[in-house]
Protein backbone atom coordinates (compact mmCIF):
# COMPACT_ATOMS: atom_id res chain seq x y z
CA MET A 1 163.37 162.87 -0.96
CA SER A 2 161.22 159.73 -0.95
CA VAL A 3 160.64 157.57 2.07
CA ILE A 4 161.58 154.14 2.28
CA ARG A 5 158.62 151.80 3.97
CA VAL A 6 160.23 149.05 5.76
CA ALA A 7 158.56 146.21 8.30
CA LEU A 8 160.57 143.66 10.74
CA VAL A 9 159.49 140.23 11.44
CA ASP A 10 160.97 138.58 14.64
CA ASP A 11 159.66 136.50 17.62
CA GLN A 12 161.60 139.17 20.51
CA ALA A 13 160.01 141.79 21.38
CA LEU A 14 162.61 143.66 22.59
CA PHE A 15 164.64 143.10 19.36
CA ARG A 16 161.80 144.69 17.29
CA ALA A 17 161.29 147.27 20.00
CA GLY A 18 165.27 148.47 19.17
CA ILE A 19 164.94 148.08 15.52
CA ARG A 20 161.34 150.31 15.49
CA MET A 21 163.21 152.80 17.54
CA LEU A 22 166.55 152.89 15.16
CA ILE A 23 164.23 153.12 11.93
CA SER A 24 162.07 155.69 13.05
CA SER A 25 164.93 158.03 13.59
CA GLN A 26 165.55 158.41 10.43
CA PRO A 27 164.22 161.13 8.14
CA ASP A 28 164.14 158.55 5.00
CA LEU A 29 162.61 155.74 6.72
CA GLU A 30 159.22 154.79 7.60
CA PHE A 31 158.45 152.17 10.08
CA VAL A 32 155.12 150.94 8.74
CA GLY A 33 154.61 147.37 10.56
CA GLU A 34 155.95 144.34 12.72
CA ALA A 35 155.21 140.46 12.93
CA ALA A 36 156.23 137.92 15.69
CA ASP A 37 155.86 135.28 13.24
CA GLY A 38 155.93 134.73 9.33
CA ARG A 39 152.16 134.00 9.31
CA GLU A 40 151.52 137.33 11.23
CA ALA A 41 154.25 138.88 8.60
CA LEU A 42 152.17 138.21 5.64
CA GLU A 43 148.71 139.92 6.74
CA VAL A 44 151.57 143.03 8.07
CA ILE A 45 152.55 143.03 4.36
CA ALA A 46 149.48 142.58 2.54
CA SER A 47 148.08 145.68 4.40
CA GLN A 48 150.87 147.75 4.94
CA ARG A 49 153.05 147.17 1.82
CA PRO A 50 156.61 147.68 3.00
CA ASP A 51 159.24 148.16 0.46
CA VAL A 52 161.86 146.31 2.64
CA VAL A 53 161.28 143.78 5.03
CA LEU A 54 163.64 142.65 7.71
CA MET A 55 163.10 138.90 8.34
CA ASP A 56 164.08 136.74 11.18
CA LEU A 57 164.52 133.01 10.33
CA ARG A 58 163.92 131.24 13.10
CA MET A 59 160.22 131.70 14.24
CA PRO A 60 157.36 130.02 16.02
CA VAL A 61 154.39 129.43 13.74
CA MET A 62 156.02 130.27 10.38
CA ASP A 63 159.56 130.45 9.99
CA GLY A 64 161.24 133.12 7.86
CA ILE A 65 162.20 130.94 5.19
CA ALA A 66 158.62 129.75 4.50
CA ALA A 67 157.41 133.78 4.71
CA THR A 68 160.04 134.47 2.13
CA GLU A 69 158.79 132.15 -0.04
CA GLN A 70 155.03 133.03 0.26
CA ILE A 71 156.25 136.94 0.06
CA MET A 72 158.06 136.13 -3.36
CA ALA A 73 155.19 134.30 -4.83
CA ALA A 74 153.01 137.71 -4.69
CA PRO A 75 152.89 140.52 -7.64
CA ARG A 76 155.19 143.15 -6.72
CA PRO A 77 157.02 141.78 -3.58
CA PRO A 78 159.24 143.94 -1.50
CA ARG A 79 162.92 143.33 -0.75
CA VAL A 80 163.68 140.79 1.89
CA ILE A 81 166.71 141.39 4.32
CA VAL A 82 167.12 138.23 6.47
CA LEU A 83 168.69 138.67 10.04
CA THR A 84 170.98 136.09 10.87
CA THR A 85 173.20 135.33 14.11
CA PHE A 86 176.01 133.83 11.84
CA ASP A 87 177.88 134.11 8.50
CA LEU A 88 177.59 130.46 7.43
CA ASP A 89 174.09 129.71 7.80
CA GLU A 90 172.48 127.04 5.99
CA ALA A 91 168.95 128.49 6.63
CA ALA A 92 170.15 132.06 5.22
CA ALA A 93 171.15 130.06 2.23
CA ARG A 94 167.78 128.73 2.30
CA ALA A 95 166.56 132.32 2.45
CA LEU A 96 168.53 133.49 -0.41
CA ARG A 97 167.12 130.67 -2.67
CA ALA A 98 163.75 131.61 -1.71
CA GLY A 99 164.05 135.01 -2.81
CA ALA A 100 165.72 137.29 -0.01
CA SER A 101 168.11 139.75 -1.55
CA GLY A 102 170.86 139.41 1.47
CA PHE A 103 171.52 138.66 5.10
CA VAL A 104 172.53 140.73 7.96
CA LEU A 105 174.23 139.74 11.23
CA LYS A 106 171.64 140.69 14.06
CA ASP A 107 174.99 142.04 15.80
CA SER A 108 176.22 144.25 12.95
CA GLU A 109 176.28 147.92 13.81
CA PRO A 110 173.24 149.92 13.39
CA GLU A 111 175.04 152.01 10.52
CA PHE A 112 175.35 148.86 8.85
CA LEU A 113 171.67 147.75 9.22
CA LEU A 114 170.41 151.01 7.50
CA ALA A 115 172.62 151.11 4.81
CA ALA A 116 171.75 148.03 3.91
CA ILE A 117 168.03 148.69 4.15
CA ARG A 118 169.02 151.66 1.55
CA SER A 119 171.08 149.42 -0.42
CA VAL A 120 168.83 146.92 -1.30
CA HIS A 121 165.88 149.52 -1.85
CA ALA A 122 168.16 150.71 -4.54
CA GLY A 123 168.78 147.39 -5.89
CA THR A 124 172.09 146.76 -5.21
CA ALA A 125 173.51 143.82 -3.38
CA VAL A 126 173.08 143.88 0.92
CA VAL A 127 176.09 141.49 1.02
CA ALA A 128 178.91 141.17 -1.60
CA ALA A 129 178.41 138.47 -3.91
CA SER A 130 181.55 136.77 -2.57
CA ALA A 131 180.03 136.14 0.54
CA VAL A 132 177.13 134.43 -0.88
CA ARG A 133 179.59 132.35 -3.07
CA GLU A 134 181.22 131.36 0.31
CA LEU A 135 177.85 130.60 2.21
CA PHE A 136 177.17 128.17 -1.03
CA GLU A 137 180.87 126.84 -0.90
CA HIS A 138 180.78 126.10 2.97
CA LEU A 139 177.21 124.34 2.51
CA GLY A 140 178.78 121.86 -0.30
CA GLY A 141 178.48 123.61 -3.60
CA GLY A 142 176.24 123.85 -6.78
CA ARG A 143 174.44 120.98 -8.15
CA ARG A 144 174.87 119.22 -11.91
CA GLU A 145 174.85 121.90 -14.69
CA VAL A 146 171.73 122.63 -15.94
CA ALA A 147 171.58 122.48 -19.97
CA GLY A 148 170.45 125.21 -21.69
CA SER A 149 170.37 127.56 -18.58
CA LEU A 150 172.40 130.14 -20.20
CA ASP A 151 170.57 129.90 -23.50
CA PRO A 152 169.17 133.49 -23.04
CA LEU A 153 172.46 135.30 -22.87
CA SER A 154 174.63 136.39 -25.62
CA PRO A 155 178.46 134.67 -25.28
CA ARG A 156 179.90 137.61 -23.93
CA GLU A 157 177.07 137.99 -21.20
CA ARG A 158 177.79 134.70 -20.46
CA GLU A 159 181.35 135.52 -19.69
CA ILE A 160 179.83 138.46 -17.59
CA PHE A 161 177.75 135.77 -16.27
CA ARG A 162 180.51 133.32 -15.24
CA HIS A 163 182.54 136.43 -13.67
CA ALA A 164 179.72 137.71 -11.65
CA ALA A 165 178.87 134.26 -10.26
CA ALA A 166 182.38 134.01 -9.21
CA GLY A 167 181.61 136.96 -6.85
CA ARG A 168 184.16 139.42 -8.76
CA SER A 169 183.29 143.26 -8.85
CA ASN A 170 182.33 145.34 -11.78
CA ALA A 171 186.11 146.73 -11.68
CA GLU A 172 187.51 143.47 -11.63
CA ILE A 173 185.38 141.99 -14.25
CA ALA A 174 185.80 145.02 -16.27
CA ALA A 175 189.78 144.24 -16.13
CA ALA A 176 189.59 140.68 -16.78
CA GLU A 177 187.69 141.76 -19.88
CA PHE A 178 188.89 145.23 -21.01
CA LEU A 179 185.67 147.22 -20.79
CA SER A 180 184.59 149.53 -19.29
CA GLU A 181 182.68 149.54 -15.47
CA ALA A 182 179.96 151.38 -17.24
CA THR A 183 179.87 148.61 -19.93
CA VAL A 184 180.00 146.10 -17.54
CA LYS A 185 176.92 147.18 -15.30
CA THR A 186 175.09 147.58 -18.38
CA HIS A 187 175.53 143.89 -19.37
CA ILE A 188 174.70 142.91 -15.59
CA SER A 189 171.35 144.50 -15.97
CA ARG A 190 170.71 142.75 -19.35
CA ILE A 191 171.57 139.41 -17.87
CA LEU A 192 169.51 139.70 -14.97
CA ALA A 193 166.61 140.89 -17.20
CA LYS A 194 167.01 137.92 -19.64
CA LEU A 195 167.52 135.67 -16.46
CA GLY A 196 164.31 137.11 -14.61
CA LEU A 197 166.41 137.88 -11.65
CA ARG A 198 166.32 140.29 -9.11
CA ASP A 199 169.80 141.28 -8.13
CA ARG A 200 173.46 139.73 -8.07
CA VAL A 201 172.87 137.80 -4.75
CA GLN A 202 170.22 135.74 -7.01
CA LEU A 203 172.51 135.39 -10.17
CA VAL A 204 175.16 133.80 -7.88
CA VAL A 205 172.08 131.58 -6.13
CA PHE A 206 171.04 131.03 -10.10
CA ALA A 207 174.65 129.59 -10.84
CA TYR A 208 174.84 127.42 -7.71
CA GLU A 209 171.19 126.06 -8.19
CA ASN A 210 172.05 125.34 -11.77
CA GLY A 211 175.39 124.05 -11.16
CA LEU A 212 177.16 126.78 -13.50
CA VAL A 213 179.78 127.39 -10.23
């Protein structure tokens, strides 16, 4: 069984202690480091090479958004899960734009956070694409459509892209396009590769950034 290396970035010592104990209690997770601000986090990540980073947004010295941007600029960056206090958080949207793979509410059940760590490490979304869409719609929608942004995709892939950007699941896309779920999954993988996106959360962000929804 491979062990998932996890680091935590949060300025509250008591919160860090609780998360450290939670992660350390799991046989498939290893707590490899913690930091109280974004700048310290960069040092921890460089030295410990975690697979997943739990990132608070509002911290002194360097906030979670700036830290996420710098993390994503490095080669082979870890997955970042944003920790936020409410689900329609503009800062969370900015972190997703910076490359985070999803967000988790700080008052979520411990089991949900553990499942989120395992899901994002496996390459699946931490939050549903529909929740990301709701967040961006709440903040005012996308920009004007950028010409040529979908040029790398085939006509079929463009149709699948628009379904996924609307927050539809593989099952819903399969039903709408008269395809099997396995075929939809293959299309999604190719779309992500062609557009240089890490996951479906980033697909939704891409759609909004390019005015495609």
